[in-house]
Amino acid sequence: MANLKRNMIELVKNPEEVLNGGEPELERFWTPAFIPLSIVREAIGLQTETEEEGTELEIMDKLVDFVANRIYNKQFTKDDIYNRLHAPNAIETLQEQILFVAQGHQTEETKNFLAKKR
């Protein structure tokens, strides 16, 4: 099988427990093995759009929608991102997802994790 690039996102599996002092459990979601070029075109358009116009809330909604529905093909919902993605890194994480699709950029964490799996 071809060795196609993939990316992942981690969401907190037990946010209510964590809010009450529990230890976070992370759930990993992987991009599909194949992402069509049309998604790249959309990602580049989204990057341009977010640099040019819109309020921060509108931009965030577009990023969240694109990540949940287009990149990860509805493996989780937009509400999952809003409620289960750790806030201090959230915008950076969403932007990294867009960069992965638009430019093939993987985080070091993802590269290391995939290297261990092989």
PDB file of N, CA and C in Angstrom:
ATOM      1  N   MET A   1       0.833  -1.181   0.000  1.00  0.00           N
ATOM      2  CA  MET A   1       0.000   0.000   0.000  1.00  0.00           C
ATOM      3  C   MET A   1       0.876   1.243   0.000  1.00  0.00           C
ATOM      4  N   ALA A   2       0.420   2.251  -0.683  1.00  0.00           N
ATOM      5  CA  ALA A   2       1.162   3.506  -0.762  1.00  0.00           C
ATOM      6  C   ALA A   2       1.264   4.150   0.615  1.00  0.00           C
ATOM      7  N   ASN A   3       2.361   4.845   0.821  1.00  0.00           N
ATOM      8  CA  ASN A   3       2.586   5.521   2.095  1.00  0.00           C
ATOM      9  C   ASN A   3       2.161   6.988   1.954  1.00  0.00           C
ATOM     10  N   LEU A   4       0.863   7.253   2.074  1.00  0.00           N
ATOM     11  CA  LEU A   4       0.335   8.595   1.931  1.00  0.00           C
ATOM     12  C   LEU A   4       0.422   9.338   3.258  1.00  0.00           C
ATOM     13  N   LYS A   5       0.704  10.643   3.191  1.00  0.00           N
ATOM     14  CA  LYS A   5       0.792  11.460   4.398  1.00  0.00           C
ATOM     15  C   LYS A   5      -0.548  11.536   5.103  1.00  0.00           C
ATOM     16  N   ARG A   6      -0.486  11.501   6.422  1.00  0.00           N
ATOM     17  CA  ARG A   6      -1.701  11.641   7.230  1.00  0.00           C
ATOM     18  C   ARG A   6      -1.414  12.600   8.367  1.00  0.00           C
ATOM     19  N   ASN A   7      -2.460  13.071   8.951  1.00  0.00           N
ATOM     20  CA  ASN A   7      -2.333  13.974  10.086  1.00  0.00           C
ATOM     21  C   ASN A   7      -3.337  13.561  11.145  1.00  0.00           C
ATOM     22  N   MET A   8      -3.178  14.103  12.345  1.00  0.00           N
ATOM     23  CA  MET A   8      -4.100  13.754  13.419  1.00  0.00           C
ATOM     24  C   MET A   8      -4.462  14.999  14.213  1.00  0.00           C
ATOM     25  N   ILE A   9      -5.549  14.869  14.934  1.00  0.00           N
ATOM     26  CA  ILE A   9      -5.962  15.880  15.886  1.00  0.00           C
ATOM     27  C   ILE A   9      -6.366  15.138  17.157  1.00  0.00           C
ATOM     28  N   GLU A  10      -6.051  15.727  18.298  1.00  0.00           N
ATOM     29  CA  GLU A  10      -6.404  15.105  19.573  1.00  0.00           C
ATOM     30  C   GLU A  10      -7.465  15.953  20.267  1.00  0.00           C
ATOM     31  N   LEU A  11      -8.525  15.283  20.698  1.00  0.00           N
ATOM     32  CA  LEU A  11      -9.594  15.928  21.445  1.00  0.00           C
ATOM     33  C   LEU A  11      -9.701  15.253  22.805  1.00  0.00           C
ATOM     34  N   VAL A  12     -10.058  16.034  23.813  1.00  0.00           N
ATOM     35  CA  VAL A  12     -10.230  15.493  25.161  1.00  0.00           C
ATOM     36  C   VAL A  12     -11.482  14.622  25.151  1.00  0.00           C
ATOM     37  N   LYS A  13     -11.316  13.383  25.590  1.00  0.00           N
ATOM     38  CA  LYS A  13     -12.409  12.403  25.569  1.00  0.00           C
ATOM     39  C   LYS A  13     -13.378  12.611  26.737  1.00  0.00           C
ATOM     40  N   ASN A  14     -12.893  13.148  27.847  1.00  0.00           N
ATOM     41  CA  ASN A  14     -13.676  13.266  29.081  1.00  0.00           C
ATOM     42  C   ASN A  14     -13.658  14.698  29.633  1.00  0.00           C
ATOM     43  N   PRO A  15     -14.145  15.673  28.858  1.00  0.00           N
ATOM     44  CA  PRO A  15     -14.015  17.071  29.293  1.00  0.00           C
ATOM     45  C   PRO A  15     -14.704  17.386  30.627  1.00  0.00           C
ATOM     46  N   GLU A  16     -15.859  16.785  30.901  1.00  0.00           N
ATOM     47  CA  GLU A  16     -16.548  17.071  32.165  1.00  0.00           C
ATOM     48  C   GLU A  16     -15.728  16.604  33.358  1.00  0.00           C
ATOM     49  N   GLU A  17     -15.151  15.412  33.243  1.00  0.00           N
ATOM     50  CA  GLU A  17     -14.293  14.890  34.315  1.00  0.00           C
ATOM     51  C   GLU A  17     -13.109  15.813  34.555  1.00  0.00           C
ATOM     52  N   VAL A  18     -12.500  16.254  33.459  1.00  0.00           N
ATOM     53  CA  VAL A  18     -11.320  17.114  33.567  1.00  0.00           C
ATOM     54  C   VAL A  18     -11.692  18.440  34.222  1.00  0.00           C
ATOM     55  N   LEU A  19     -12.839  18.985  33.864  1.00  0.00           N
ATOM     56  CA  LEU A  19     -13.292  20.239  34.478  1.00  0.00           C
ATOM     57  C   LEU A  19     -13.504  20.088  35.985  1.00  0.00           C
ATOM     58  N   ASN A  20     -13.750  18.849  36.426  1.00  0.00           N
ATOM     59  CA  ASN A  20     -13.943  18.573  37.851  1.00  0.00           C
ATOM     60  C   ASN A  20     -12.684  18.015  38.509  1.00  0.00           C
ATOM     61  N   GLY A  21     -11.539  18.194  37.862  1.00  0.00           N
ATOM     62  CA  GLY A  21     -10.268  17.798  38.462  1.00  0.00           C
ATOM     63  C   GLY A  21      -9.726  16.458  38.008  1.00  0.00           C
ATOM     64  N   GLY A  22     -10.422  15.773  37.117  1.00  0.00           N
ATOM     65  CA  GLY A  22      -9.948  14.476  36.633  1.00  0.00           C
ATOM     66  C   GLY A  22      -8.793  14.599  35.656  1.00  0.00           C
ATOM     67  N   GLU A  23      -8.210  13.471  35.366  1.00  0.00           N
ATOM     68  CA  GLU A  23      -7.091  13.390  34.425  1.00  0.00           C
ATOM     69  C   GLU A  23      -7.641  13.318  32.995  1.00  0.00           C
ATOM     70  N   PRO A  24      -7.107  14.130  32.074  1.00  0.00           N
ATOM     71  CA  PRO A  24      -7.632  14.094  30.707  1.00  0.00           C
ATOM     72  C   PRO A  24      -7.257  12.809  29.968  1.00  0.00           C
ATOM     73  N   GLU A  25      -8.214  12.303  29.220  1.00  0.00           N
ATOM     74  CA  GLU A  25      -7.990  11.199  28.285  1.00  0.00           C
ATOM     75  C   GLU A  25      -8.113  11.800  26.900  1.00  0.00           C
ATOM     76  N   LEU A  26      -7.122  11.546  26.043  1.00  0.00           N
ATOM     77  CA  LEU A  26      -7.130  12.118  24.699  1.00  0.00           C
ATOM     78  C   LEU A  26      -7.576  11.070  23.685  1.00  0.00           C
ATOM     79  N   GLU A  27      -8.333  11.528  22.719  1.00  0.00           N
ATOM     80  CA  GLU A  27      -8.782  10.669  21.626  1.00  0.00           C
ATOM     81  C   GLU A  27      -8.181  11.214  20.338  1.00  0.00           C
ATOM     82  N   ARG A  28      -7.489  10.348  19.607  1.00  0.00           N
ATOM     83  CA  ARG A  28      -6.857  10.744  18.347  1.00  0.00           C
ATOM     84  C   ARG A  28      -7.768  10.422  17.176  1.00  0.00           C
ATOM     85  N   PHE A  29      -7.829  11.367  16.267  1.00  0.00           N
ATOM     86  CA  PHE A  29      -8.549  11.179  15.013  1.00  0.00           C
ATOM     87  C   PHE A  29      -7.554  11.400  13.881  1.00  0.00           C
ATOM     88  N   TRP A  30      -7.627  10.534  12.874  1.00  0.00           N
ATOM     89  CA  TRP A  30      -6.700  10.587  11.743  1.00  0.00           C
ATOM     90  C   TRP A  30      -7.414  11.075  10.494  1.00  0.00           C
ATOM     91  N   THR A  31      -6.671  11.826   9.703  1.00  0.00           N
ATOM     92  CA  THR A  31      -7.217  12.225   8.411  1.00  0.00           C
ATOM     93  C   THR A  31      -7.422  10.962   7.571  1.00  0.00           C
ATOM     94  N   PRO A  32      -8.330  11.029   6.599  1.00  0.00           N
ATOM     95  CA  PRO A  32      -8.478   9.880   5.702  1.00  0.00           C
ATOM     96  C   PRO A  32      -7.142   9.587   5.001  1.00  0.00           C
ATOM     97  N   ALA A  33      -6.981   8.371   4.551  1.00  0.00           N
ATOM     98  CA  ALA A  33      -5.739   7.981   3.864  1.00  0.00           C
ATOM     99  C   ALA A  33      -5.555   8.747   2.561  1.00  0.00           C
ATOM    100  N   PHE A  34      -6.651   9.183   1.962  1.00  0.00           N
ATOM    101  CA  PHE A  34      -6.590   9.952   0.716  1.00  0.00           C
ATOM    102  C   PHE A  34      -7.409  11.226   0.875  1.00  0.00           C
ATOM    103  N   ILE A  35      -6.771  12.338   0.555  1.00  0.00           N
ATOM    104  CA  ILE A  35      -7.458  13.632   0.558  1.00  0.00           C
ATOM    105  C   ILE A  35      -7.355  14.181  -0.863  1.00  0.00           C
ATOM    106  N   PRO A  36      -8.489  14.379  -1.528  1.00  0.00           N
ATOM    107  CA  PRO A  36      -8.443  14.850  -2.921  1.00  0.00           C
ATOM    108  C   PRO A  36      -7.895  16.275  -3.032  1.00  0.00           C
ATOM    109  N   LEU A  37      -7.326  16.573  -4.170  1.00  0.00           N
ATOM    110  CA  LEU A  37      -6.768  17.890  -4.438  1.00  0.00           C
ATOM    111  C   LEU A  37      -7.812  18.993  -4.289  1.00  0.00           C
ATOM    112  N   SER A  38      -9.065  18.683  -4.519  1.00  0.00           N
ATOM    113  CA  SER A  38     -10.113  19.703  -4.370  1.00  0.00           C
ATOM    114  C   SER A  38     -10.161  20.247  -2.943  1.00  0.00           C
ATOM    115  N   ILE A  39      -9.823  19.426  -1.957  1.00  0.00           N
ATOM    116  CA  ILE A  39      -9.792  19.878  -0.567  1.00  0.00           C
ATOM    117  C   ILE A  39      -8.632  20.856  -0.366  1.00  0.00           C
ATOM    118  N   VAL A  40      -7.525  20.625  -1.045  1.00  0.00           N
ATOM    119  CA  VAL A  40      -6.389  21.546  -0.986  1.00  0.00           C
ATOM    120  C   VAL A  40      -6.810  22.909  -1.516  1.00  0.00           C
ATOM    121  N   ARG A  41      -7.521  22.892  -2.612  1.00  0.00           N
ATOM    122  CA  ARG A  41      -7.997  24.144  -3.212  1.00  0.00           C
ATOM    123  C   ARG A  41      -8.881  24.906  -2.222  1.00  0.00           C
ATOM    124  N   GLU A  42      -9.765  24.186  -1.557  1.00  0.00           N
ATOM    125  CA  GLU A  42     -10.626  24.806  -0.550  1.00  0.00           C
ATOM    126  C   GLU A  42      -9.798  25.354   0.617  1.00  0.00           C
ATOM    127  N   ALA A  43      -8.788  24.606   1.043  1.00  0.00           N
ATOM    128  CA  ALA A  43      -7.940  25.036   2.169  1.00  0.00           C
ATOM    129  C   ALA A  43      -7.184  26.316   1.821  1.00  0.00           C
ATOM    130  N   ILE A  44      -6.659  26.382   0.607  1.00  0.00           N
ATOM    131  CA  ILE A  44      -5.937  27.582   0.178  1.00  0.00           C
ATOM    132  C   ILE A  44      -6.896  28.765   0.123  1.00  0.00           C
ATOM    133  N   GLY A  45      -8.092  28.530  -0.394  1.00  0.00           N
ATOM    134  CA  GLY A  45      -9.102  29.586  -0.418  1.00  0.00           C
ATOM    135  C   GLY A  45      -9.464  30.045   0.980  1.00  0.00           C
ATOM    136  N   LEU A  46      -9.563  29.115   1.900  1.00  0.00           N
ATOM    137  CA  LEU A  46      -9.892  29.443   3.288  1.00  0.00           C
ATOM    138  C   LEU A  46      -8.778  30.252   3.931  1.00  0.00           C
ATOM    139  N   GLN A  47      -7.525  29.881   3.659  1.00  0.00           N
ATOM    140  CA  GLN A  47      -6.394  30.634   4.190  1.00  0.00           C
ATOM    141  C   GLN A  47      -6.451  32.082   3.708  1.00  0.00           C
ATOM    142  N   THR A  48      -6.670  32.257   2.431  1.00  0.00           N
ATOM    143  CA  THR A  48      -6.742  33.596   1.847  1.00  0.00           C
ATOM    144  C   THR A  48      -7.905  34.374   2.457  1.00  0.00           C
ATOM    145  N   GLU A  49      -9.040  33.729   2.554  1.00  0.00           N
ATOM    146  CA  GLU A  49     -10.243  34.367   3.091  1.00  0.00           C
ATOM    147  C   GLU A  49     -10.044  34.823   4.531  1.00  0.00           C
ATOM    148  N   THR A  50      -9.400  33.988   5.341  1.00  0.00           N
ATOM    149  CA  THR A  50      -9.218  34.337   6.751  1.00  0.00           C
ATOM    150  C   THR A  50      -8.204  35.468   6.920  1.00  0.00           C
ATOM    151  N   GLU A  51      -7.302  35.624   5.972  1.00  0.00           N
ATOM    152  CA  GLU A  51      -6.328  36.716   6.051  1.00  0.00           C
ATOM    153  C   GLU A  51      -6.932  38.043   5.615  1.00  0.00           C
ATOM    154  N   GLU A  52      -7.979  37.999   4.814  1.00  0.00           N
ATOM    155  CA  GLU A  52      -8.510  39.212   4.215  1.00  0.00           C
ATOM    156  C   GLU A  52      -9.733  39.799   4.902  1.00  0.00           C
ATOM    157  N   GLU A  53     -10.622  38.959   5.419  1.00  0.00           N
ATOM    158  CA  GLU A  53     -11.888  39.502   5.893  1.00  0.00           C
ATOM    159  C   GLU A  53     -12.516  38.653   6.986  1.00  0.00           C
ATOM    160  N   GLY A  54     -13.523  39.227   7.628  1.00  0.00           N
ATOM    161  CA  GLY A  54     -14.300  38.494   8.614  1.00  0.00           C
ATOM    162  C   GLY A  54     -13.876  38.796  10.034  1.00  0.00           C
ATOM    163  N   THR A  55     -14.825  38.632  10.933  1.00  0.00           N
ATOM    164  CA  THR A  55     -14.516  38.792  12.345  1.00  0.00           C
ATOM    165  C   THR A  55     -13.798  37.542  12.829  1.00  0.00           C
ATOM    166  N   GLU A  56     -13.186  37.637  13.970  1.00  0.00           N
ATOM    167  CA  GLU A  56     -12.476  36.477  14.519  1.00  0.00           C
ATOM    168  C   GLU A  56     -13.426  35.307  14.753  1.00  0.00           C
ATOM    169  N   LEU A  57     -14.645  35.600  15.187  1.00  0.00           N
ATOM    170  CA  LEU A  57     -15.620  34.528  15.414  1.00  0.00           C
ATOM    171  C   LEU A  57     -16.027  33.860  14.102  1.00  0.00           C
ATOM    172  N   GLU A  58     -16.215  34.645  13.049  1.00  0.00           N
ATOM    173  CA  GLU A  58     -16.570  34.075  11.750  1.00  0.00           C
ATOM    174  C   GLU A  58     -15.430  33.205  11.217  1.00  0.00           C
ATOM    175  N   ILE A  59     -14.218  33.688  11.386  1.00  0.00           N
ATOM    176  CA  ILE A  59     -13.048  32.928  10.930  1.00  0.00           C
ATOM    177  C   ILE A  59     -12.931  31.627  11.709  1.00  0.00           C
ATOM    178  N   MET A  60     -13.108  31.701  13.026  1.00  0.00           N
ATOM    179  CA  MET A  60     -13.031  30.492  13.836  1.00  0.00           C
ATOM    180  C   MET A  60     -14.094  29.484  13.412  1.00  0.00           C
ATOM    181  N   ASP A  61     -15.322  29.954  13.198  1.00  0.00           N
ATOM    182  CA  ASP A  61     -16.395  29.058  12.757  1.00  0.00           C
ATOM    183  C   ASP A  61     -16.048  28.383  11.431  1.00  0.00           C
ATOM    184  N   LYS A  62     -15.455  29.133  10.512  1.00  0.00           N
ATOM    185  CA  LYS A  62     -15.079  28.558   9.212  1.00  0.00           C
ATOM    186  C   LYS A  62     -13.975  27.519   9.369  1.00  0.00           C
ATOM    187  N   LEU A  63     -12.975  27.828  10.212  1.00  0.00           N
ATOM    188  CA  LEU A  63     -11.892  26.872  10.453  1.00  0.00           C
ATOM    189  C   LEU A  63     -12.427  25.585  11.072  1.00  0.00           C
ATOM    190  N   VAL A  64     -13.262  25.729  12.088  1.00  0.00           N
ATOM    191  CA  VAL A  64     -13.820  24.565  12.781  1.00  0.00           C
ATOM    192  C   VAL A  64     -14.656  23.724  11.826  1.00  0.00           C
ATOM    193  N   ASP A  65     -15.484  24.370  11.043  1.00  0.00           N
ATOM    194  CA  ASP A  65     -16.320  23.665  10.076  1.00  0.00           C
ATOM    195  C   ASP A  65     -15.467  22.913   9.057  1.00  0.00           C
ATOM    196  N   PHE A  66     -14.448  23.564   8.535  1.00  0.00           N
ATOM    197  CA  PHE A  66     -13.588  22.941   7.534  1.00  0.00           C
ATOM    198  C   PHE A  66     -12.844  21.743   8.116  1.00  0.00           C
ATOM    199  N   VAL A  67     -12.307  21.896   9.313  1.00  0.00           N
ATOM    200  CA  VAL A  67     -11.561  20.799   9.940  1.00  0.00           C
ATOM    201  C   VAL A  67     -12.481  19.603  10.194  1.00  0.00           C
ATOM    202  N   ALA A  68     -13.633  19.848  10.809  1.00  0.00           N
ATOM    203  CA  ALA A  68     -14.534  18.744  11.164  1.00  0.00           C
ATOM    204  C   ALA A  68     -15.157  18.081   9.942  1.00  0.00           C
ATOM    205  N   ASN A  69     -15.624  18.877   9.013  1.00  0.00           N
ATOM    206  CA  ASN A  69     -16.422  18.334   7.915  1.00  0.00           C
ATOM    207  C   ASN A  69     -15.643  18.015   6.649  1.00  0.00           C
ATOM    208  N   ARG A  70     -14.635  18.800   6.335  1.00  0.00           N
ATOM    209  CA  ARG A  70     -13.916  18.575   5.081  1.00  0.00           C
ATOM    210  C   ARG A  70     -12.629  17.769   5.278  1.00  0.00           C
ATOM    211  N   ILE A  71     -11.826  18.134   6.262  1.00  0.00           N
ATOM    212  CA  ILE A  71     -10.556  17.418   6.450  1.00  0.00           C
ATOM    213  C   ILE A  71     -10.790  16.049   7.088  1.00  0.00           C
ATOM    214  N   TYR A  72     -11.532  16.015   8.194  1.00  0.00           N
ATOM    215  CA  TYR A  72     -11.727  14.762   8.933  1.00  0.00           C
ATOM    216  C   TYR A  72     -13.011  14.041   8.556  1.00  0.00           C
ATOM    217  N   ASN A  73     -13.689  14.540   7.560  1.00  0.00           N
ATOM    218  CA  ASN A  73     -14.832  13.834   6.967  1.00  0.00           C
ATOM    219  C   ASN A  73     -15.872  13.405   8.008  1.00  0.00           C
ATOM    220  N   LYS A  74     -16.190  14.327   8.916  1.00  0.00           N
ATOM    221  CA  LYS A  74     -17.267  14.146   9.912  1.00  0.00           C
ATOM    222  C   LYS A  74     -17.019  13.012  10.909  1.00  0.00           C
ATOM    223  N   GLN A  75     -15.743  12.736  11.219  1.00  0.00           N
ATOM    224  CA  GLN A  75     -15.440  11.757  12.273  1.00  0.00           C
ATOM    225  C   GLN A  75     -15.856  12.297  13.640  1.00  0.00           C
ATOM    226  N   PHE A  76     -15.961  13.604  13.737  1.00  0.00           N
ATOM    227  CA  PHE A  76     -16.420  14.294  14.935  1.00  0.00           C
ATOM    228  C   PHE A  76     -17.140  15.550  14.469  1.00  0.00           C
ATOM    229  N   THR A  77     -17.838  16.209  15.382  1.00  0.00           N
ATOM    230  CA  THR A  77     -18.645  17.367  15.012  1.00  0.00           C
ATOM    231  C   THR A  77     -17.931  18.681  15.336  1.00  0.00           C
ATOM    232  N   LYS A  78     -18.500  19.754  14.846  1.00  0.00           N
ATOM    233  CA  LYS A  78     -17.990  21.077  15.204  1.00  0.00           C
ATOM    234  C   LYS A  78     -18.113  21.290  16.705  1.00  0.00           C
ATOM    235  N   ASP A  79     -19.215  20.830  17.287  1.00  0.00           N
ATOM    236  CA  ASP A  79     -19.385  20.948  18.737  1.00  0.00           C
ATOM    237  C   ASP A  79     -18.296  20.180  19.487  1.00  0.00           C
ATOM    238  N   ASP A  80     -17.877  19.037  18.949  1.00  0.00           N
ATOM    239  CA  ASP A  80     -16.773  18.300  19.571  1.00  0.00           C
ATOM    240  C   ASP A  80     -15.516  19.162  19.621  1.00  0.00           C
ATOM    241  N   ILE A  81     -15.246  19.862  18.547  1.00  0.00           N
ATOM    242  CA  ILE A  81     -14.060  20.730  18.542  1.00  0.00           C
ATOM    243  C   ILE A  81     -14.227  21.832  19.584  1.00  0.00           C
ATOM    244  N   TYR A  82     -15.374  22.486  19.576  1.00  0.00           N
ATOM    245  CA  TYR A  82     -15.598  23.581  20.528  1.00  0.00           C
ATOM    246  C   TYR A  82     -15.561  23.113  21.981  1.00  0.00           C
ATOM    247  N   ASN A  83     -15.984  21.899  22.254  1.00  0.00           N
ATOM    248  CA  ASN A  83     -16.077  21.418  23.635  1.00  0.00           C
ATOM    249  C   ASN A  83     -14.940  20.505  24.076  1.00  0.00           C
ATOM    250  N   ARG A  84     -14.152  19.996  23.118  1.00  0.00           N
ATOM    251  CA  ARG A  84     -13.150  19.001  23.485  1.00  0.00           C
ATOM    252  C   ARG A  84     -11.723  19.344  23.057  1.00  0.00           C
ATOM    253  N   LEU A  85     -11.528  20.456  22.352  1.00  0.00           N
ATOM    254  CA  LEU A  85     -10.181  20.880  21.953  1.00  0.00           C
ATOM    255  C   LEU A  85      -9.649  21.826  23.026  1.00  0.00           C
ATOM    256  N   HIS A  86      -8.454  21.555  23.514  1.00  0.00           N
ATOM    257  CA  HIS A  86      -7.847  22.348  24.589  1.00  0.00           C
ATOM    258  C   HIS A  86      -7.627  23.785  24.109  1.00  0.00           C
ATOM    259  N   ALA A  87      -8.221  24.742  24.804  1.00  0.00           N
ATOM    260  CA  ALA A  87      -8.285  26.138  24.370  1.00  0.00           C
ATOM    261  C   ALA A  87      -6.933  26.819  24.122  1.00  0.00           C
ATOM    262  N   PRO A  88      -5.928  26.682  24.999  1.00  0.00           N
ATOM    263  CA  PRO A  88      -4.695  27.439  24.770  1.00  0.00           C
ATOM    264  C   PRO A  88      -4.016  27.162  23.422  1.00  0.00           C
ATOM    265  N   ASN A  89      -4.201  25.974  22.878  1.00  0.00           N
ATOM    266  CA  ASN A  89      -3.567  25.626  21.595  1.00  0.00           C
ATOM    267  C   ASN A  89      -4.573  25.558  20.452  1.00  0.00           C
ATOM    268  N   ALA A  90      -5.820  25.881  20.685  1.00  0.00           N
ATOM    269  CA  ALA A  90      -6.888  25.595  19.728  1.00  0.00           C
ATOM    270  C   ALA A  90      -6.681  26.256  18.372  1.00  0.00           C
ATOM    271  N   ILE A  91      -6.445  27.540  18.346  1.00  0.00           N
ATOM    272  CA  ILE A  91      -6.300  28.238  17.062  1.00  0.00           C
ATOM    273  C   ILE A  91      -5.078  27.708  16.315  1.00  0.00           C
ATOM    274  N   GLU A  92      -3.986  27.520  17.021  1.00  0.00           N
ATOM    275  CA  GLU A  92      -2.775  26.969  16.395  1.00  0.00           C
ATOM    276  C   GLU A  92      -3.048  25.569  15.832  1.00  0.00           C
ATOM    277  N   THR A  93      -3.754  24.753  16.591  1.00  0.00           N
ATOM    278  CA  THR A  93      -4.088  23.395  16.149  1.00  0.00           C
ATOM    279  C   THR A  93      -4.938  23.428  14.881  1.00  0.00           C
ATOM    280  N   LEU A  94      -5.938  24.295  14.853  1.00  0.00           N
ATOM    281  CA  LEU A  94      -6.794  24.402  13.667  1.00  0.00           C
ATOM    282  C   LEU A  94      -5.995  24.882  12.463  1.00  0.00           C
ATOM    283  N   GLN A  95      -5.137  25.862  12.672  1.00  0.00           N
ATOM    284  CA  GLN A  95      -4.307  26.362  11.571  1.00  0.00           C
ATOM    285  C   GLN A  95      -3.342  25.296  11.068  1.00  0.00           C
ATOM    286  N   GLU A  96      -2.805  24.479  11.978  1.00  0.00           N
ATOM    287  CA  GLU A  96      -1.914  23.383  11.570  1.00  0.00           C
ATOM    288  C   GLU A  96      -2.655  22.374  10.695  1.00  0.00           C
ATOM    289  N   GLN A  97      -3.932  22.142  10.990  1.00  0.00           N
ATOM    290  CA  GLN A  97      -4.728  21.222  10.176  1.00  0.00           C
ATOM    291  C   GLN A  97      -4.878  21.760   8.757  1.00  0.00           C
ATOM    292  N   ILE A  98      -5.130  23.055   8.641  1.00  0.00           N
ATOM    293  CA  ILE A  98      -5.257  23.694   7.325  1.00  0.00           C
ATOM    294  C   ILE A  98      -3.919  23.632   6.591  1.00  0.00           C
ATOM    295  N   LEU A  99      -2.828  23.915   7.298  1.00  0.00           N
ATOM    296  CA  LEU A  99      -1.497  23.850   6.677  1.00  0.00           C
ATOM    297  C   LEU A  99      -1.163  22.441   6.203  1.00  0.00           C
ATOM    298  N   PHE A 100      -1.582  21.448   6.956  1.00  0.00           N
ATOM    299  CA  PHE A 100      -1.337  20.069   6.520  1.00  0.00           C
ATOM    300  C   PHE A 100      -1.977  19.825   5.158  1.00  0.00           C
ATOM    301  N   VAL A 101      -3.220  20.226   5.017  1.00  0.00           N
ATOM    302  CA  VAL A 101      -3.923  19.987   3.754  1.00  0.00           C
ATOM    303  C   VAL A 101      -3.339  20.847   2.639  1.00  0.00           C
ATOM    304  N   ALA A 102      -3.092  22.120   2.920  1.00  0.00           N
ATOM    305  CA  ALA A 102      -2.643  23.044   1.886  1.00  0.00           C
ATOM    306  C   ALA A 102      -1.188  22.813   1.469  1.00  0.00           C
ATOM    307  N   GLN A 103      -0.336  22.398   2.428  1.00  0.00           N
ATOM    308  CA  GLN A 103       1.094  22.314   2.130  1.00  0.00           C
ATOM    309  C   GLN A 103       1.737  20.999   2.518  1.00  0.00           C
ATOM    310  N   GLY A 104       0.972  20.076   3.097  1.00  0.00           N
ATOM    311  CA  GLY A 104       1.532  18.792   3.501  1.00  0.00           C
ATOM    312  C   GLY A 104       2.358  18.851   4.768  1.00  0.00           C
ATOM    313  N   HIS A 105       2.242  19.930   5.532  1.00  0.00           N
ATOM    314  CA  HIS A 105       3.027  20.110   6.753  1.00  0.00           C
ATOM    315  C   HIS A 105       2.457  19.265   7.891  1.00  0.00           C
ATOM    316  N   GLN A 106       3.311  18.401   8.442  1.00  0.00           N
ATOM    317  CA  GLN A 106       2.930  17.594   9.604  1.00  0.00           C
ATOM    318  C   GLN A 106       3.678  18.112  10.831  1.00  0.00           C
ATOM    319  N   THR A 107       3.025  18.055  11.981  1.00  0.00           N
ATOM    320  CA  THR A 107       3.711  18.445  13.211  1.00  0.00           C
ATOM    321  C   THR A 107       4.747  17.380  13.557  1.00  0.00           C
ATOM    322  N   GLU A 108       5.731  17.762  14.350  1.00  0.00           N
ATOM    323  CA  GLU A 108       6.753  16.803  14.788  1.00  0.00           C
ATOM    324  C   GLU A 108       6.112  15.673  15.582  1.00  0.00           C
ATOM    325  N   GLU A 109       5.120  16.007  16.401  1.00  0.00           N
ATOM    326  CA  GLU A 109       4.428  14.998  17.197  1.00  0.00           C
ATOM    327  C   GLU A 109       3.789  13.936  16.300  1.00  0.00           C
ATOM    328  N   THR A 110       3.149  14.373  15.232  1.00  0.00           N
ATOM    329  CA  THR A 110       2.521  13.432  14.303  1.00  0.00           C
ATOM    330  C   THR A 110       3.576  12.579  13.602  1.00  0.00           C
ATOM    331  N   LYS A 111       4.642  13.228  13.137  1.00  0.00           N
ATOM    332  CA  LYS A 111       5.724  12.486  12.468  1.00  0.00           C
ATOM    333  C   LYS A 111       6.308  11.424  13.400  1.00  0.00           C
ATOM    334  N   ASN A 112       6.561  11.792  14.640  1.00  0.00           N
ATOM    335  CA  ASN A 112       7.122  10.844  15.603  1.00  0.00           C
ATOM    336  C   ASN A 112       6.168   9.701  15.892  1.00  0.00           C
ATOM    337  N   PHE A 113       4.900   9.998  16.058  1.00  0.00           N
ATOM    338  CA  PHE A 113       3.900   8.978  16.339  1.00  0.00           C
ATOM    339  C   PHE A 113       3.813   7.998  15.171  1.00  0.00           C
ATOM    340  N   LEU A 114       3.764   8.510  13.956  1.00  0.00           N
ATOM    341  CA  LEU A 114       3.679   7.643  12.774  1.00  0.00           C
ATOM    342  C   LEU A 114       4.945   6.801  12.620  1.00  0.00           C
ATOM    343  N   ALA A 115       6.095   7.367  12.939  1.00  0.00           N
ATOM    344  CA  ALA A 115       7.344   6.615  12.839  1.00  0.00           C
ATOM    345  C   ALA A 115       7.343   5.432  13.803  1.00  0.00           C
ATOM    346  N   LYS A 116       6.769   5.605  14.981  1.00  0.00           N
ATOM    347  CA  LYS A 116       6.690   4.513  15.952  1.00  0.00           C
ATOM    348  C   LYS A 116       5.754   3.402  15.489  1.00  0.00           C
ATOM    349  N   LYS A 117       4.698   3.783  14.746  1.00  0.00           N
ATOM    350  CA  LYS A 117       3.718   2.808  14.271  1.00  0.00           C
ATOM    351  C   LYS A 117       4.280   1.922  13.164  1.00  0.00           C
ATOM    352  N   ARG A 118       5.262   2.399  12.443  1.00  0.00           N
ATOM    353  CA  ARG A 118       5.801   1.639  11.303  1.00  0.00           C
ATOM    354  C   ARG A 118       6.793   0.613  11.710  1.00  0.00           C
TER     355      ARG A 118
END
